[in-house]
All heavy atoms as atom14 arrays in JSON, in Angstrom:
{
  "sequence": "VRYRPDGTVDRTLTLPVSLPTSVAFGGRSMDTLFVTTASQGLSREA",
  "atom14_mask": [
    [1, 1, 1, 1, 1, 1, 1, 0, 0, 0, 0, 0, 0, 0],
    [1, 1, 1, 1, 1, 1, 1, 1, 1, 1, 1, 0, 0, 0],
    [1, 1, 1, 1, 1, 1, 1, 1, 1, 1, 1, 1, 0, 0],
    [1, 1, 1, 1, 1, 1, 1, 1, 1, 1, 1, 0, 0, 0],
    [1, 1, 1, 1, 1, 1, 1, 0, 0, 0, 0, 0, 0, 0],
    [1, 1, 1, 1, 1, 1, 1, 1, 0, 0, 0, 0, 0, 0],
    [1, 1, 1, 1, 0, 0, 0, 0, 0, 0, 0, 0, 0, 0],
    [1, 1, 1, 1, 1, 1, 1, 0, 0, 0, 0, 0, 0, 0],
    [1, 1, 1, 1, 1, 1, 1, 0, 0, 0, 0, 0, 0, 0],
    [1, 1, 1, 1, 1, 1, 1, 1, 0, 0, 0, 0, 0, 0],
    [1, 1, 1, 1, 1, 1, 1, 1, 1, 1, 1, 0, 0, 0],
    [1, 1, 1, 1, 1, 1, 1, 0, 0, 0, 0, 0, 0, 0],
    [1, 1, 1, 1, 1, 1, 1, 1, 0, 0, 0, 0, 0, 0],
    [1, 1, 1, 1, 1, 1, 1, 0, 0, 0, 0, 0, 0, 0],
    [1, 1, 1, 1, 1, 1, 1, 1, 0, 0, 0, 0, 0, 0],
    [1, 1, 1, 1, 1, 1, 1, 0, 0, 0, 0, 0, 0, 0],
    [1, 1, 1, 1, 1, 1, 1, 0, 0, 0, 0, 0, 0, 0],
    [1, 1, 1, 1, 1, 1, 0, 0, 0, 0, 0, 0, 0, 0],
    [1, 1, 1, 1, 1, 1, 1, 1, 0, 0, 0, 0, 0, 0],
    [1, 1, 1, 1, 1, 1, 1, 0, 0, 0, 0, 0, 0, 0],
    [1, 1, 1, 1, 1, 1, 1, 0, 0, 0, 0, 0, 0, 0],
    [1, 1, 1, 1, 1, 1, 0, 0, 0, 0, 0, 0, 0, 0],
    [1, 1, 1, 1, 1, 1, 1, 0, 0, 0, 0, 0, 0, 0],
    [1, 1, 1, 1, 1, 0, 0, 0, 0, 0, 0, 0, 0, 0],
    [1, 1, 1, 1, 1, 1, 1, 1, 1, 1, 1, 0, 0, 0],
    [1, 1, 1, 1, 0, 0, 0, 0, 0, 0, 0, 0, 0, 0],
    [1, 1, 1, 1, 0, 0, 0, 0, 0, 0, 0, 0, 0, 0],
    [1, 1, 1, 1, 1, 1, 1, 1, 1, 1, 1, 0, 0, 0],
    [1, 1, 1, 1, 1, 1, 0, 0, 0, 0, 0, 0, 0, 0],
    [1, 1, 1, 1, 1, 1, 1, 1, 0, 0, 0, 0, 0, 0],
    [1, 1, 1, 1, 1, 1, 1, 1, 0, 0, 0, 0, 0, 0],
    [1, 1, 1, 1, 1, 1, 1, 0, 0, 0, 0, 0, 0, 0],
    [1, 1, 1, 1, 1, 1, 1, 1, 0, 0, 0, 0, 0, 0],
    [1, 1, 1, 1, 1, 1, 1, 1, 1, 1, 1, 0, 0, 0],
    [1, 1, 1, 1, 1, 1, 1, 0, 0, 0, 0, 0, 0, 0],
    [1, 1, 1, 1, 1, 1, 1, 0, 0, 0, 0, 0, 0, 0],
    [1, 1, 1, 1, 1, 1, 1, 0, 0, 0, 0, 0, 0, 0],
    [1, 1, 1, 1, 1, 0, 0, 0, 0, 0, 0, 0, 0, 0],
    [1, 1, 1, 1, 1, 1, 0, 0, 0, 0, 0, 0, 0, 0],
    [1, 1, 1, 1, 1, 1, 1, 1, 1, 0, 0, 0, 0, 0],
    [1, 1, 1, 1, 0, 0, 0, 0, 0, 0, 0, 0, 0, 0],
    [1, 1, 1, 1, 1, 1, 1, 1, 0, 0, 0, 0, 0, 0],
    [1, 1, 1, 1, 1, 1, 0, 0, 0, 0, 0, 0, 0, 0],
    [1, 1, 1, 1, 1, 1, 1, 1, 1, 1, 1, 0, 0, 0],
    [1, 1, 1, 1, 1, 1, 1, 1, 1, 0, 0, 0, 0, 0],
    [1, 1, 1, 1, 1, 0, 0, 0, 0, 0, 0, 0, 0, 0]
  ],
  "atom14_positions": [
    [[0.81, -1.21, -0.01], [0.0, -0.08, 0.04], [0.89, 1.22, 0.0], [1.8, 1.34, 0.77], [-0.92, 0.06, 1.29], [-1.8, 1.3, 1.21], [-1.84, -1.16, 1.18], [0.0, 0.0, 0.0], [0.0, 0.0, 0.0], [0.0, 0.0, 0.0], [0.0, 0.0, 0.0], [0.0, 0.0, 0.0], [0.0, 0.0, 0.0], [0.0, 0.0, 0.0]],
    [[0.53, 2.32, -0.9], [1.29, 3.41, -0.9], [0.4, 4.51, -0.27], [-0.74, 4.79, -0.73], [1.62, 3.89, -2.3], [2.44, 5.07, -2.45], [2.63, 5.47, -3.88], [3.72, 6.45, -4.06], [3.55, 7.64, -4.83], [2.32, 7.95, -5.33], [4.56, 8.49, -4.87], [0.0, 0.0, 0.0], [0.0, 0.0, 0.0], [0.0, 0.0, 0.0]],
    [[0.9, 5.07, 0.81], [0.12, 6.06, 1.54], [0.68, 7.51, 1.12], [1.84, 7.78, 1.19], [0.3, 5.92, 3.04], [-0.41, 4.67, 3.62], [0.35, 3.54, 3.88], [-1.73, 4.69, 3.81], [-0.23, 2.41, 4.42], [-2.41, 3.5, 4.28], [-1.6, 2.45, 4.63], [-2.26, 1.3, 5.17], [0.0, 0.0, 0.0], [0.0, 0.0, 0.0]],
    [[-0.19, 8.36, 0.92], [0.14, 9.79, 0.79], [0.64, 10.42, 2.07], [0.28, 9.85, 3.17], [-1.0, 10.64, 0.21], [-1.56, 10.14, -1.14], [-2.67, 11.03, -1.65], [-3.32, 10.49, -2.82], [-4.41, 9.78, -2.84], [-5.1, 9.57, -1.63], [-4.98, 9.26, -3.92], [0.0, 0.0, 0.0], [0.0, 0.0, 0.0], [0.0, 0.0, 0.0]],
    [[1.3, 11.56, 2.05], [1.75, 12.15, 3.31], [0.67, 12.48, 4.34], [0.95, 12.63, 5.54], [2.52, 13.46, 2.79], [2.92, 13.12, 1.52], [1.79, 12.28, 0.82], [0.0, 0.0, 0.0], [0.0, 0.0, 0.0], [0.0, 0.0, 0.0], [0.0, 0.0, 0.0], [0.0, 0.0, 0.0], [0.0, 0.0, 0.0], [0.0, 0.0, 0.0]],
    [[-0.61, 12.58, 3.86], [-1.68, 12.8, 4.76], [-2.35, 11.51, 5.35], [-3.32, 11.63, 6.08], [-2.82, 13.7, 4.09], [-3.42, 13.04, 2.94], [-3.07, 11.88, 2.65], [-4.36, 13.67, 2.27], [0.0, 0.0, 0.0], [0.0, 0.0, 0.0], [0.0, 0.0, 0.0], [0.0, 0.0, 0.0], [0.0, 0.0, 0.0], [0.0, 0.0, 0.0]],
    [[-1.76, 10.35, 4.9], [-2.24, 9.09, 5.46], [-3.33, 8.44, 4.65], [-3.72, 7.38, 4.88], [0.0, 0.0, 0.0], [0.0, 0.0, 0.0], [0.0, 0.0, 0.0], [0.0, 0.0, 0.0], [0.0, 0.0, 0.0], [0.0, 0.0, 0.0], [0.0, 0.0, 0.0], [0.0, 0.0, 0.0], [0.0, 0.0, 0.0], [0.0, 0.0, 0.0]],
    [[-3.76, 9.09, 3.56], [-4.76, 8.54, 2.69], [-4.07, 7.52, 1.79], [-2.89, 7.67, 1.36], [-5.6, 9.49, 1.9], [-4.59, 10.28, 1.13], [-6.35, 10.49, 2.78], [0.0, 0.0, 0.0], [0.0, 0.0, 0.0], [0.0, 0.0, 0.0], [0.0, 0.0, 0.0], [0.0, 0.0, 0.0], [0.0, 0.0, 0.0], [0.0, 0.0, 0.0]],
    [[-4.83, 6.48, 1.28], [-4.27, 5.53, 0.37], [-4.17, 6.1, -1.02], [-5.14, 6.54, -1.59], [-5.06, 4.19, 0.37], [-4.54, 3.24, -0.67], [-5.09, 3.6, 1.78], [0.0, 0.0, 0.0], [0.0, 0.0, 0.0], [0.0, 0.0, 0.0], [0.0, 0.0, 0.0], [0.0, 0.0, 0.0], [0.0, 0.0, 0.0], [0.0, 0.0, 0.0]],
    [[-3.0, 6.05, -1.58], [-2.86, 6.46, -2.98], [-3.1, 5.27, -4.0], [-3.78, 5.55, -4.86], [-1.25, 6.94, -3.16], [-1.06, 7.24, -4.64], [-1.54, 8.25, -5.12], [-0.32, 6.52, -5.31], [0.0, 0.0, 0.0], [0.0, 0.0, 0.0], [0.0, 0.0, 0.0], [0.0, 0.0, 0.0], [0.0, 0.0, 0.0], [0.0, 0.0, 0.0]],
    [[-2.56, 4.09, -3.6], [-2.85, 2.95, -4.45], [-2.39, 1.71, -3.81], [-1.66, 1.74, -2.73], [-2.15, 2.96, -5.91], [-0.64, 3.17, -5.83], [-0.21, 3.33, -7.21], [1.14, 3.94, -7.31], [2.23, 3.28, -7.92], [2.05, 2.12, -8.43], [3.43, 3.92, -8.0], [0.0, 0.0, 0.0], [0.0, 0.0, 0.0], [0.0, 0.0, 0.0]],
    [[-2.9, 0.54, -4.26], [-2.62, -0.72, -3.72], [-2.0, -1.58, -4.79], [-2.69, -1.64, -5.94], [-3.9, -1.35, -3.11], [-4.38, -0.56, -2.06], [-3.52, -2.75, -2.45], [0.0, 0.0, 0.0], [0.0, 0.0, 0.0], [0.0, 0.0, 0.0], [0.0, 0.0, 0.0], [0.0, 0.0, 0.0], [0.0, 0.0, 0.0], [0.0, 0.0, 0.0]],
    [[-0.95, -2.33, -4.55], [-0.34, -3.13, -5.61], [-0.49, -4.57, -5.06], [0.09, -5.0, -4.05], [1.14, -2.77, -5.7], [1.97, -3.62, -6.68], [1.4, -3.45, -8.15], [3.43, -3.14, -6.61], [0.0, 0.0, 0.0], [0.0, 0.0, 0.0], [0.0, 0.0, 0.0], [0.0, 0.0, 0.0], [0.0, 0.0, 0.0], [0.0, 0.0, 0.0]],
    [[-1.16, -5.34, -5.83], [-1.39, -6.77, -5.44], [-0.19, -7.59, -5.91], [0.36, -7.41, -6.94], [-2.69, -7.31, -6.14], [-3.86, -6.56, -5.77], [-2.93, -8.82, -5.86], [0.0, 0.0, 0.0], [0.0, 0.0, 0.0], [0.0, 0.0, 0.0], [0.0, 0.0, 0.0], [0.0, 0.0, 0.0], [0.0, 0.0, 0.0], [0.0, 0.0, 0.0]],
    [[0.19, -8.53, -5.02], [1.38, -9.43, -5.21], [0.93, -10.9, -5.4], [-0.18, -11.22, -4.97], [2.32, -9.28, -4.01], [2.84, -7.93, -3.78], [3.67, -7.93, -2.48], [3.85, -7.51, -4.91], [0.0, 0.0, 0.0], [0.0, 0.0, 0.0], [0.0, 0.0, 0.0], [0.0, 0.0, 0.0], [0.0, 0.0, 0.0], [0.0, 0.0, 0.0]],
    [[1.82, -11.65, -5.93], [1.44, -13.09, -6.18], [1.64, -13.98, -4.94], [1.76, -15.18, -4.99], [2.39, -13.58, -7.27], [3.55, -12.64, -7.17], [3.04, -11.38, -6.64], [0.0, 0.0, 0.0], [0.0, 0.0, 0.0], [0.0, 0.0, 0.0], [0.0, 0.0, 0.0], [0.0, 0.0, 0.0], [0.0, 0.0, 0.0], [0.0, 0.0, 0.0]],
    [[1.89, -13.32, -3.7], [2.03, -14.05, -2.47], [1.3, -13.33, -1.4], [0.92, -12.19, -1.5], [3.59, -13.95, -2.08], [4.43, -14.72, -3.07], [4.11, -12.55, -1.95], [0.0, 0.0, 0.0], [0.0, 0.0, 0.0], [0.0, 0.0, 0.0], [0.0, 0.0, 0.0], [0.0, 0.0, 0.0], [0.0, 0.0, 0.0], [0.0, 0.0, 0.0]],
    [[0.98, -14.09, -0.37], [0.07, -13.53, 0.66], [0.85, -12.93, 1.82], [0.3, -12.08, 2.62], [-0.81, -14.62, 1.27], [-0.06, -15.68, 1.88], [0.0, 0.0, 0.0], [0.0, 0.0, 0.0], [0.0, 0.0, 0.0], [0.0, 0.0, 0.0], [0.0, 0.0, 0.0], [0.0, 0.0, 0.0], [0.0, 0.0, 0.0], [0.0, 0.0, 0.0]],
    [[2.16, -13.15, 1.98], [2.88, -12.69, 3.06], [4.12, -11.86, 2.69], [5.32, -12.21, 2.99], [3.43, -13.95, 3.94], [2.36, -14.95, 4.4], [3.01, -16.06, 5.08], [1.42, -14.24, 5.38], [0.0, 0.0, 0.0], [0.0, 0.0, 0.0], [0.0, 0.0, 0.0], [0.0, 0.0, 0.0], [0.0, 0.0, 0.0], [0.0, 0.0, 0.0]],
    [[3.86, -10.68, 2.05], [4.94, -9.81, 1.88], [5.36, -9.25, 3.23], [4.52, -9.01, 4.13], [4.37, -8.63, 0.95], [2.96, -8.63, 1.31], [2.63, -10.07, 1.63], [0.0, 0.0, 0.0], [0.0, 0.0, 0.0], [0.0, 0.0, 0.0], [0.0, 0.0, 0.0], [0.0, 0.0, 0.0], [0.0, 0.0, 0.0], [0.0, 0.0, 0.0]],
    [[6.69, -9.03, 3.47], [7.25, -8.68, 4.83], [7.8, -7.3, 4.88], [7.76, -6.59, 5.92], [8.12, -9.71, 5.33], [9.22, -9.8, 4.4], [7.49, -11.04, 5.51], [0.0, 0.0, 0.0], [0.0, 0.0, 0.0], [0.0, 0.0, 0.0], [0.0, 0.0, 0.0], [0.0, 0.0, 0.0], [0.0, 0.0, 0.0], [0.0, 0.0, 0.0]],
    [[8.48, -6.91, 3.79], [9.18, -5.55, 3.87], [9.45, -5.1, 2.49], [9.43, -5.87, 1.53], [10.4, -5.66, 4.78], [10.87, -4.32, 5.02], [0.0, 0.0, 0.0], [0.0, 0.0, 0.0], [0.0, 0.0, 0.0], [0.0, 0.0, 0.0], [0.0, 0.0, 0.0], [0.0, 0.0, 0.0], [0.0, 0.0, 0.0], [0.0, 0.0, 0.0]],
    [[9.92, -3.78, 2.36], [10.17, -3.26, 1.04], [11.31, -2.35, 1.18], [11.58, -1.78, 2.21], [8.96, -2.51, 0.54], [7.88, -3.34, 0.01], [8.38, -1.53, 1.57], [0.0, 0.0, 0.0], [0.0, 0.0, 0.0], [0.0, 0.0, 0.0], [0.0, 0.0, 0.0], [0.0, 0.0, 0.0], [0.0, 0.0, 0.0], [0.0, 0.0, 0.0]],
    [[12.09, -2.13, 0.05], [13.18, -1.23, -0.06], [13.48, -0.82, -1.48], [13.41, -1.67, -2.41], [14.45, -1.79, 0.59], [0.0, 0.0, 0.0], [0.0, 0.0, 0.0], [0.0, 0.0, 0.0], [0.0, 0.0, 0.0], [0.0, 0.0, 0.0], [0.0, 0.0, 0.0], [0.0, 0.0, 0.0], [0.0, 0.0, 0.0], [0.0, 0.0, 0.0]],
    [[13.7, 0.44, -1.73], [14.07, 0.92, -3.07], [15.53, 0.61, -3.29], [16.34, 0.78, -2.35], [13.78, 2.39, -3.21], [12.34, 2.66, -3.52], [11.45, 3.14, -2.55], [11.87, 2.61, -4.84], [10.13, 3.37, -2.8], [10.42, 2.87, -5.01], [9.63, 3.24, -4.09], [0.0, 0.0, 0.0], [0.0, 0.0, 0.0], [0.0, 0.0, 0.0]],
    [[15.88, 0.31, -4.49], [17.21, 0.01, -4.89], [17.4, -0.02, -6.4], [16.58, 0.5, -7.15], [0.0, 0.0, 0.0], [0.0, 0.0, 0.0], [0.0, 0.0, 0.0], [0.0, 0.0, 0.0], [0.0, 0.0, 0.0], [0.0, 0.0, 0.0], [0.0, 0.0, 0.0], [0.0, 0.0, 0.0], [0.0, 0.0, 0.0], [0.0, 0.0, 0.0]],
    [[18.52, -0.57, -6.84], [18.83, -0.52, -8.21], [19.65, 0.6, -8.6], [19.76, 1.63, -7.84], [0.0, 0.0, 0.0], [0.0, 0.0, 0.0], [0.0, 0.0, 0.0], [0.0, 0.0, 0.0], [0.0, 0.0, 0.0], [0.0, 0.0, 0.0], [0.0, 0.0, 0.0], [0.0, 0.0, 0.0], [0.0, 0.0, 0.0], [0.0, 0.0, 0.0]],
    [[20.29, 0.62, -9.76], [21.19, 1.68, -10.06], [20.56, 3.09, -10.11], [21.17, 4.07, -9.78], [21.9, 1.36, -11.45], [23.02, 2.25, -11.85], [23.8, 1.69, -13.04], [24.33, 0.39, -12.77], [25.47, 0.23, -12.15], [26.26, 1.22, -11.64], [25.91, -1.02, -11.91], [0.0, 0.0, 0.0], [0.0, 0.0, 0.0], [0.0, 0.0, 0.0]],
    [[19.26, 3.09, -10.52], [18.6, 4.38, -10.54], [17.64, 4.49, -9.32], [16.85, 5.41, -9.43], [17.85, 4.46, -11.91], [18.65, 4.42, -13.0], [0.0, 0.0, 0.0], [0.0, 0.0, 0.0], [0.0, 0.0, 0.0], [0.0, 0.0, 0.0], [0.0, 0.0, 0.0], [0.0, 0.0, 0.0], [0.0, 0.0, 0.0], [0.0, 0.0, 0.0]],
    [[17.67, 3.56, -8.47], [16.82, 3.66, -7.26], [15.31, 3.63, -7.63], [14.5, 4.21, -6.93], [17.09, 4.86, -6.35], [18.55, 4.85, -5.77], [18.77, 3.48, -4.69], [17.7, 3.86, -3.29], [0.0, 0.0, 0.0], [0.0, 0.0, 0.0], [0.0, 0.0, 0.0], [0.0, 0.0, 0.0], [0.0, 0.0, 0.0], [0.0, 0.0, 0.0]],
    [[15.02, 2.93, -8.67], [13.62, 2.89, -9.13], [12.99, 1.48, -9.13], [11.91, 1.27, -9.68], [13.56, 3.47, -10.55], [14.34, 2.79, -11.6], [15.17, 1.82, -11.17], [14.29, 3.05, -12.76], [0.0, 0.0, 0.0], [0.0, 0.0, 0.0], [0.0, 0.0, 0.0], [0.0, 0.0, 0.0], [0.0, 0.0, 0.0], [0.0, 0.0, 0.0]],
    [[13.72, 0.63, -8.43], [13.19, -0.76, -8.33], [12.77, -1.0, -6.84], [13.53, -0.66, -5.89], [14.31, -1.85, -8.56], [14.67, -1.76, -9.97], [13.73, -3.24, -8.31], [0.0, 0.0, 0.0], [0.0, 0.0, 0.0], [0.0, 0.0, 0.0], [0.0, 0.0, 0.0], [0.0, 0.0, 0.0], [0.0, 0.0, 0.0], [0.0, 0.0, 0.0]],
    [[11.63, -1.43, -6.62], [11.09, -1.7, -5.25], [11.19, -3.17, -4.99], [10.54, -3.96, -5.61], [9.65, -1.26, -5.11], [9.04, -1.27, -3.74], [9.86, -0.36, -2.74], [7.58, -0.78, -3.77], [0.0, 0.0, 0.0], [0.0, 0.0, 0.0], [0.0, 0.0, 0.0], [0.0, 0.0, 0.0], [0.0, 0.0, 0.0], [0.0, 0.0, 0.0]],
    [[12.14, -3.54, -4.07], [12.39, -4.91, -3.7], [11.42, -5.33, -2.59], [11.22, -4.49, -1.68], [13.83, -5.14, -3.26], [14.88, -4.96, -4.32], [15.58, -3.81, -4.52], [15.06, -6.03, -5.28], [16.53, -3.63, -5.51], [15.98, -5.9, -6.32], [16.75, -4.76, -6.4], [0.0, 0.0, 0.0], [0.0, 0.0, 0.0], [0.0, 0.0, 0.0]],
    [[10.88, -6.55, -2.56], [9.95, -6.96, -1.64], [10.38, -8.37, -1.06], [10.56, -9.28, -1.83], [8.56, -7.15, -2.34], [7.49, -7.46, -1.24], [8.17, -5.89, -3.02], [0.0, 0.0, 0.0], [0.0, 0.0, 0.0], [0.0, 0.0, 0.0], [0.0, 0.0, 0.0], [0.0, 0.0, 0.0], [0.0, 0.0, 0.0], [0.0, 0.0, 0.0]],
    [[10.56, -8.38, 0.17], [10.9, -9.7, 0.83], [9.55, -10.33, 1.22], [8.59, -9.66, 1.45], [11.76, -9.51, 2.07], [11.19, -8.49, 2.94], [13.16, -9.11, 1.75], [0.0, 0.0, 0.0], [0.0, 0.0, 0.0], [0.0, 0.0, 0.0], [0.0, 0.0, 0.0], [0.0, 0.0, 0.0], [0.0, 0.0, 0.0], [0.0, 0.0, 0.0]],
    [[9.5, -11.64, 1.22], [8.26, -12.38, 1.53], [8.59, -13.53, 2.45], [9.7, -13.87, 2.63], [7.63, -12.85, 0.23], [8.38, -13.93, -0.35], [7.51, -11.78, -0.86], [0.0, 0.0, 0.0], [0.0, 0.0, 0.0], [0.0, 0.0, 0.0], [0.0, 0.0, 0.0], [0.0, 0.0, 0.0], [0.0, 0.0, 0.0], [0.0, 0.0, 0.0]],
    [[7.51, -14.2, 2.84], [7.62, -15.36, 3.73], [6.77, -16.53, 3.27], [5.81, -16.37, 2.65], [7.23, -14.92, 5.21], [0.0, 0.0, 0.0], [0.0, 0.0, 0.0], [0.0, 0.0, 0.0], [0.0, 0.0, 0.0], [0.0, 0.0, 0.0], [0.0, 0.0, 0.0], [0.0, 0.0, 0.0], [0.0, 0.0, 0.0], [0.0, 0.0, 0.0]],
    [[7.27, -17.73, 3.73], [6.49, -18.89, 3.54], [6.09, -19.57, 4.93], [5.26, -20.5, 4.95], [7.29, -19.95, 2.78], [8.49, -20.26, 3.43], [0.0, 0.0, 0.0], [0.0, 0.0, 0.0], [0.0, 0.0, 0.0], [0.0, 0.0, 0.0], [0.0, 0.0, 0.0], [0.0, 0.0, 0.0], [0.0, 0.0, 0.0], [0.0, 0.0, 0.0]],
    [[6.64, -18.99, 5.99], [6.45, -19.41, 7.38], [4.93, -19.4, 7.64], [4.22, -18.44, 7.51], [7.15, -18.53, 8.33], [6.76, -18.69, 9.78], [7.24, -20.01, 10.41], [8.17, -20.56, 9.93], [6.59, -20.34, 11.43], [0.0, 0.0, 0.0], [0.0, 0.0, 0.0], [0.0, 0.0, 0.0], [0.0, 0.0, 0.0], [0.0, 0.0, 0.0]],
    [[4.41, -20.6, 8.13], [3.03, -20.71, 8.59], [2.07, -21.06, 7.49], [0.87, -21.26, 7.74], [0.0, 0.0, 0.0], [0.0, 0.0, 0.0], [0.0, 0.0, 0.0], [0.0, 0.0, 0.0], [0.0, 0.0, 0.0], [0.0, 0.0, 0.0], [0.0, 0.0, 0.0], [0.0, 0.0, 0.0], [0.0, 0.0, 0.0], [0.0, 0.0, 0.0]],
    [[2.54, -21.05, 6.28], [1.63, -21.49, 5.14], [1.49, -23.0, 5.01], [2.41, -23.71, 5.29], [2.03, -20.95, 3.82], [2.08, -19.43, 3.63], [2.66, -19.04, 2.24], [0.77, -18.91, 3.73], [0.0, 0.0, 0.0], [0.0, 0.0, 0.0], [0.0, 0.0, 0.0], [0.0, 0.0, 0.0], [0.0, 0.0, 0.0], [0.0, 0.0, 0.0]],
    [[0.29, -23.48, 4.75], [0.1, -24.89, 4.58], [0.71, -25.29, 3.22], [1.05, -24.5, 2.39], [-1.4, -25.21, 4.52], [-2.02, -24.55, 3.32], [0.0, 0.0, 0.0], [0.0, 0.0, 0.0], [0.0, 0.0, 0.0], [0.0, 0.0, 0.0], [0.0, 0.0, 0.0], [0.0, 0.0, 0.0], [0.0, 0.0, 0.0], [0.0, 0.0, 0.0]],
    [[0.79, -26.68, 3.07], [1.39, -27.18, 1.81], [0.47, -26.71, 0.63], [0.96, -26.46, -0.51], [1.49, -28.68, 1.87], [2.6, -29.19, 2.83], [2.6, -30.68, 2.79], [3.68, -31.18, 3.68], [3.94, -32.5, 3.87], [3.24, -33.42, 3.25], [4.93, -32.9, 4.7], [0.0, 0.0, 0.0], [0.0, 0.0, 0.0], [0.0, 0.0, 0.0]],
    [[-0.82, -26.72, 0.86], [-1.77, -26.34, -0.17], [-1.58, -24.86, -0.47], [-1.63, -24.49, -1.73], [-3.17, -26.62, 0.3], [-3.53, -27.99, 0.48], [-2.98, -28.69, 1.78], [-2.58, -27.89, 2.68], [-3.03, -29.91, 1.85], [0.0, 0.0, 0.0], [0.0, 0.0, 0.0], [0.0, 0.0, 0.0], [0.0, 0.0, 0.0], [0.0, 0.0, 0.0]],
    [[-1.42, -24.04, 0.45], [-1.15, -22.56, 0.16], [0.1, -22.39, -0.54], [0.13, -21.52, -1.5], [-1.15, -21.81, 1.45], [0.0, 0.0, 0.0], [0.0, 0.0, 0.0], [0.0, 0.0, 0.0], [0.0, 0.0, 0.0], [0.0, 0.0, 0.0], [0.0, 0.0, 0.0], [0.0, 0.0, 0.0], [0.0, 0.0, 0.0], [0.0, 0.0, 0.0]]
  ]
}
């Protein structure tokens, strides 16, 4: 979720995983948003 400075939601980006854990900008131009995720606690089916 991207929040504007006033706390309102600007947009929501859906991911192919249910457990995103953190984010960080990087890359040579600082325009890539890296996302760490988890598998802990998920069933085999999930």
